Amino acid sequence: MKRLIIATALLAILAAPAMAQRKPYSVMSDSEKAEAKASEAVDKQYRNTMDRTRKDGAEAPVDPWANMRNPTPSPDAAKKKN
């Protein structure tokens, strides 16, 4: 009995590396894989669009209150008043 247990343990130890080289079992079906790929494509398009809008918006800052403020006098106008 002792030999049987030792032999079984030895075979298990030797078989472990061989089992580790197997391809992993995929639980996803083909339709789920297609949905995942489509979802990744949509996410990639979204990220690209967001990157483009961030770059465009950062180039020209907008001041919506610019026409409500008093215009700042130029330095030449200040010298003429004195």
N, C-alpha and C. Protein backbone atom coordinates (compact mmCIF):
# COMPACT_ATOMS: atom_id res chain seq x y z
N MET A 1 0.82 -1.19 0.00
CA MET A 1 0.00 0.00 0.00
C MET A 1 0.87 1.26 0.00
N LYS A 2 1.94 1.20 0.77
CA LYS A 2 2.83 2.34 0.86
C LYS A 2 3.49 2.60 -0.50
N ARG A 3 3.85 1.54 -1.22
CA ARG A 3 4.45 1.69 -2.55
C ARG A 3 3.46 2.31 -3.54
N LEU A 4 2.21 1.94 -3.44
CA LEU A 4 1.19 2.48 -4.34
C LEU A 4 1.02 3.99 -4.14
N ILE A 5 1.02 4.42 -2.92
CA ILE A 5 0.89 5.84 -2.62
C ILE A 5 2.12 6.61 -3.11
N ILE A 6 3.28 6.07 -2.89
CA ILE A 6 4.51 6.72 -3.34
C ILE A 6 4.54 6.78 -4.87
N ALA A 7 4.16 5.71 -5.53
CA ALA A 7 4.15 5.67 -6.99
C ALA A 7 3.14 6.69 -7.55
N THR A 8 1.99 6.79 -6.93
CA THR A 8 0.97 7.75 -7.37
C THR A 8 1.48 9.18 -7.19
N ALA A 9 2.10 9.48 -6.09
CA ALA A 9 2.64 10.81 -5.83
C ALA A 9 3.76 11.13 -6.82
N LEU A 10 4.59 10.17 -7.12
CA LEU A 10 5.68 10.36 -8.07
C LEU A 10 5.13 10.64 -9.47
N LEU A 11 4.12 9.92 -9.89
CA LEU A 11 3.50 10.16 -11.20
C LEU A 11 2.83 11.53 -11.25
N ALA A 12 2.22 11.93 -10.18
CA ALA A 12 1.58 13.24 -10.14
C ALA A 12 2.62 14.35 -10.25
N ILE A 13 3.74 14.18 -9.60
CA ILE A 13 4.80 15.18 -9.65
C ILE A 13 5.38 15.27 -11.05
N LEU A 14 5.54 14.13 -11.71
CA LEU A 14 6.09 14.12 -13.06
C LEU A 14 5.08 14.63 -14.10
N ALA A 15 3.81 14.44 -13.86
CA ALA A 15 2.79 14.84 -14.83
C ALA A 15 2.44 16.32 -14.73
N ALA A 16 2.74 16.97 -13.64
CA ALA A 16 2.37 18.38 -13.45
C ALA A 16 2.97 19.29 -14.52
N PRO A 17 4.27 19.21 -14.84
CA PRO A 17 4.80 20.09 -15.88
C PRO A 17 4.16 19.83 -17.26
N ALA A 18 3.84 18.59 -17.55
CA ALA A 18 3.21 18.28 -18.83
C ALA A 18 1.81 18.89 -18.89
N MET A 19 1.10 18.89 -17.81
CA MET A 19 -0.24 19.48 -17.79
C MET A 19 -0.17 21.01 -17.87
N ALA A 20 0.91 21.59 -17.40
CA ALA A 20 1.06 23.04 -17.44
C ALA A 20 1.28 23.54 -18.86
N GLN A 21 1.74 22.69 -19.76
CA GLN A 21 2.01 23.09 -21.13
C GLN A 21 0.77 23.02 -22.01
N ARG A 22 -0.31 22.50 -21.51
CA ARG A 22 -1.55 22.41 -22.27
C ARG A 22 -2.11 23.78 -22.54
N LYS A 23 -2.87 23.92 -23.63
CA LYS A 23 -3.56 25.18 -23.89
C LYS A 23 -4.68 25.34 -22.87
N PRO A 24 -4.91 26.56 -22.40
CA PRO A 24 -5.99 26.74 -21.42
C PRO A 24 -7.35 26.52 -22.07
N TYR A 25 -8.23 26.00 -21.30
CA TYR A 25 -9.59 25.73 -21.77
C TYR A 25 -10.35 27.04 -21.78
N SER A 26 -10.98 27.35 -22.92
CA SER A 26 -11.74 28.59 -23.05
C SER A 26 -13.20 28.32 -22.75
N VAL A 27 -13.77 29.10 -21.86
CA VAL A 27 -15.15 28.94 -21.47
C VAL A 27 -16.07 29.72 -22.42
N MET A 28 -15.53 30.70 -23.13
CA MET A 28 -16.34 31.55 -23.99
C MET A 28 -16.72 30.81 -25.28
N SER A 29 -17.95 31.00 -25.71
CA SER A 29 -18.39 30.41 -26.97
C SER A 29 -17.96 31.31 -28.12
N ASP A 30 -18.20 30.85 -29.34
CA ASP A 30 -17.79 31.63 -30.50
C ASP A 30 -18.54 32.96 -30.59
N SER A 31 -19.82 32.95 -30.25
CA SER A 31 -20.59 34.19 -30.31
C SER A 31 -20.12 35.18 -29.24
N GLU A 32 -19.75 34.67 -28.08
CA GLU A 32 -19.24 35.55 -27.03
C GLU A 32 -17.89 36.14 -27.43
N LYS A 33 -17.05 35.34 -28.11
CA LYS A 33 -15.76 35.85 -28.58
C LYS A 33 -15.97 36.95 -29.62
N ALA A 34 -16.95 36.76 -30.52
CA ALA A 34 -17.24 37.77 -31.54
C ALA A 34 -17.74 39.06 -30.89
N GLU A 35 -18.59 38.92 -29.88
CA GLU A 35 -19.09 40.10 -29.17
C GLU A 35 -17.96 40.83 -28.46
N ALA A 36 -17.03 40.07 -27.89
CA ALA A 36 -15.90 40.69 -27.20
C ALA A 36 -15.02 41.46 -28.18
N LYS A 37 -14.78 40.88 -29.36
CA LYS A 37 -13.98 41.58 -30.37
C LYS A 37 -14.69 42.84 -30.84
N ALA A 38 -16.00 42.77 -31.05
CA ALA A 38 -16.76 43.94 -31.48
C ALA A 38 -16.72 45.02 -30.40
N SER A 39 -16.83 44.61 -29.16
CA SER A 39 -16.78 45.56 -28.05
C SER A 39 -15.41 46.24 -27.97
N GLU A 40 -14.35 45.47 -28.20
CA GLU A 40 -13.00 46.04 -28.18
C GLU A 40 -12.83 47.04 -29.32
N ALA A 41 -13.40 46.74 -30.49
CA ALA A 41 -13.30 47.66 -31.62
C ALA A 41 -14.03 48.96 -31.32
N VAL A 42 -15.20 48.88 -30.71
CA VAL A 42 -15.95 50.08 -30.36
C VAL A 42 -15.18 50.89 -29.32
N ASP A 43 -14.59 50.22 -28.34
CA ASP A 43 -13.81 50.92 -27.32
C ASP A 43 -12.61 51.64 -27.94
N LYS A 44 -11.96 50.98 -28.90
CA LYS A 44 -10.80 51.58 -29.56
C LYS A 44 -11.22 52.82 -30.34
N GLN A 45 -12.34 52.76 -31.06
CA GLN A 45 -12.84 53.92 -31.79
C GLN A 45 -13.18 55.05 -30.82
N TYR A 46 -13.78 54.72 -29.70
CA TYR A 46 -14.14 55.73 -28.69
C TYR A 46 -12.88 56.42 -28.17
N ARG A 47 -11.87 55.64 -27.82
CA ARG A 47 -10.63 56.21 -27.30
C ARG A 47 -9.96 57.11 -28.34
N ASN A 48 -9.96 56.68 -29.61
CA ASN A 48 -9.37 57.51 -30.67
C ASN A 48 -10.13 58.81 -30.82
N THR A 49 -11.45 58.76 -30.78
CA THR A 49 -12.25 59.97 -30.89
C THR A 49 -12.00 60.91 -29.72
N MET A 50 -11.93 60.36 -28.53
CA MET A 50 -11.67 61.20 -27.35
C MET A 50 -10.28 61.83 -27.42
N ASP A 51 -9.29 61.10 -27.91
CA ASP A 51 -7.95 61.67 -28.05
C ASP A 51 -7.96 62.82 -29.05
N ARG A 52 -8.68 62.65 -30.16
CA ARG A 52 -8.74 63.72 -31.16
C ARG A 52 -9.42 64.97 -30.60
N THR A 53 -10.49 64.79 -29.84
CA THR A 53 -11.20 65.95 -29.31
C THR A 53 -10.38 66.64 -28.23
N ARG A 54 -9.64 65.91 -27.47
CA ARG A 54 -8.79 66.52 -26.44
C ARG A 54 -7.69 67.35 -27.09
N LYS A 55 -7.10 66.85 -28.16
CA LYS A 55 -6.03 67.58 -28.84
C LYS A 55 -6.58 68.85 -29.48
N ASP A 56 -7.74 68.78 -30.11
CA ASP A 56 -8.32 69.94 -30.76
C ASP A 56 -8.72 71.01 -29.75
N GLY A 57 -9.28 70.60 -28.63
CA GLY A 57 -9.73 71.54 -27.62
C GLY A 57 -8.60 72.20 -26.88
N ALA A 58 -7.46 71.55 -26.78
CA ALA A 58 -6.35 72.10 -26.02
C ALA A 58 -5.61 73.18 -26.80
N GLU A 59 -5.76 73.22 -28.11
CA GLU A 59 -5.01 74.18 -28.91
C GLU A 59 -5.55 75.61 -28.78
N ALA A 60 -6.87 75.76 -28.77
CA ALA A 60 -7.46 77.10 -28.73
C ALA A 60 -8.35 77.23 -27.50
N PRO A 61 -7.85 77.89 -26.45
CA PRO A 61 -8.69 78.09 -25.27
C PRO A 61 -9.81 79.08 -25.58
N VAL A 62 -10.97 78.82 -25.05
CA VAL A 62 -12.14 79.66 -25.30
C VAL A 62 -12.49 80.41 -24.03
N ASP A 63 -12.74 81.71 -24.19
CA ASP A 63 -13.13 82.55 -23.06
C ASP A 63 -14.54 83.07 -23.34
N PRO A 64 -15.57 82.42 -22.79
CA PRO A 64 -16.94 82.84 -23.09
C PRO A 64 -17.30 84.21 -22.50
N TRP A 65 -16.55 84.69 -21.54
CA TRP A 65 -16.87 85.98 -20.91
C TRP A 65 -16.01 87.12 -21.46
N ALA A 66 -15.32 86.89 -22.54
CA ALA A 66 -14.41 87.90 -23.07
C ALA A 66 -15.13 89.18 -23.44
N ASN A 67 -16.32 89.10 -24.01
CA ASN A 67 -17.02 90.32 -24.41
C ASN A 67 -17.74 91.00 -23.25
N MET A 68 -17.76 90.41 -22.07
CA MET A 68 -18.42 91.00 -20.91
C MET A 68 -17.45 91.83 -20.07
N ARG A 69 -16.17 91.61 -20.21
CA ARG A 69 -15.18 92.35 -19.43
C ARG A 69 -14.85 93.67 -20.10
N ASN A 70 -14.33 94.59 -19.28
CA ASN A 70 -13.85 95.85 -19.83
C ASN A 70 -12.57 95.55 -20.60
N PRO A 71 -12.41 96.17 -21.72
CA PRO A 71 -11.17 95.91 -22.47
C PRO A 71 -9.99 96.43 -21.68
N THR A 72 -8.94 95.69 -21.68
CA THR A 72 -7.74 96.13 -20.95
C THR A 72 -7.03 97.18 -21.79
N PRO A 73 -6.67 98.28 -21.21
CA PRO A 73 -5.99 99.32 -21.99
C PRO A 73 -4.58 98.88 -22.36
N SER A 74 -4.17 99.28 -23.52
CA SER A 74 -2.81 98.95 -23.94
C SER A 74 -1.83 99.86 -23.21
N PRO A 75 -0.59 99.48 -23.12
CA PRO A 75 0.38 100.33 -22.42
C PRO A 75 0.55 101.69 -23.11
N ASP A 76 0.36 101.75 -24.42
CA ASP A 76 0.49 103.03 -25.13
C ASP A 76 -0.61 103.99 -24.73
N ALA A 77 -1.82 103.50 -24.53
CA ALA A 77 -2.95 104.34 -24.14
C ALA A 77 -2.73 104.91 -22.74
N ALA A 78 -2.12 104.14 -21.86
CA ALA A 78 -1.87 104.63 -20.50
C ALA A 78 -0.84 105.75 -20.52
N LYS A 79 0.12 105.69 -21.41
CA LYS A 79 1.15 106.73 -21.49
C LYS A 79 0.57 108.03 -22.06
N LYS A 80 -0.37 107.92 -22.98
CA LYS A 80 -0.96 109.10 -23.61
C LYS A 80 -1.81 109.89 -22.62
N LYS A 81 -2.44 109.20 -21.67
CA LYS A 81 -3.30 109.89 -20.69
C LYS A 81 -2.46 110.72 -19.73
N ASN A 82 -1.29 110.32 -19.43
CA ASN A 82 -0.45 111.03 -18.46
C ASN A 82 0.14 112.23 -19.06
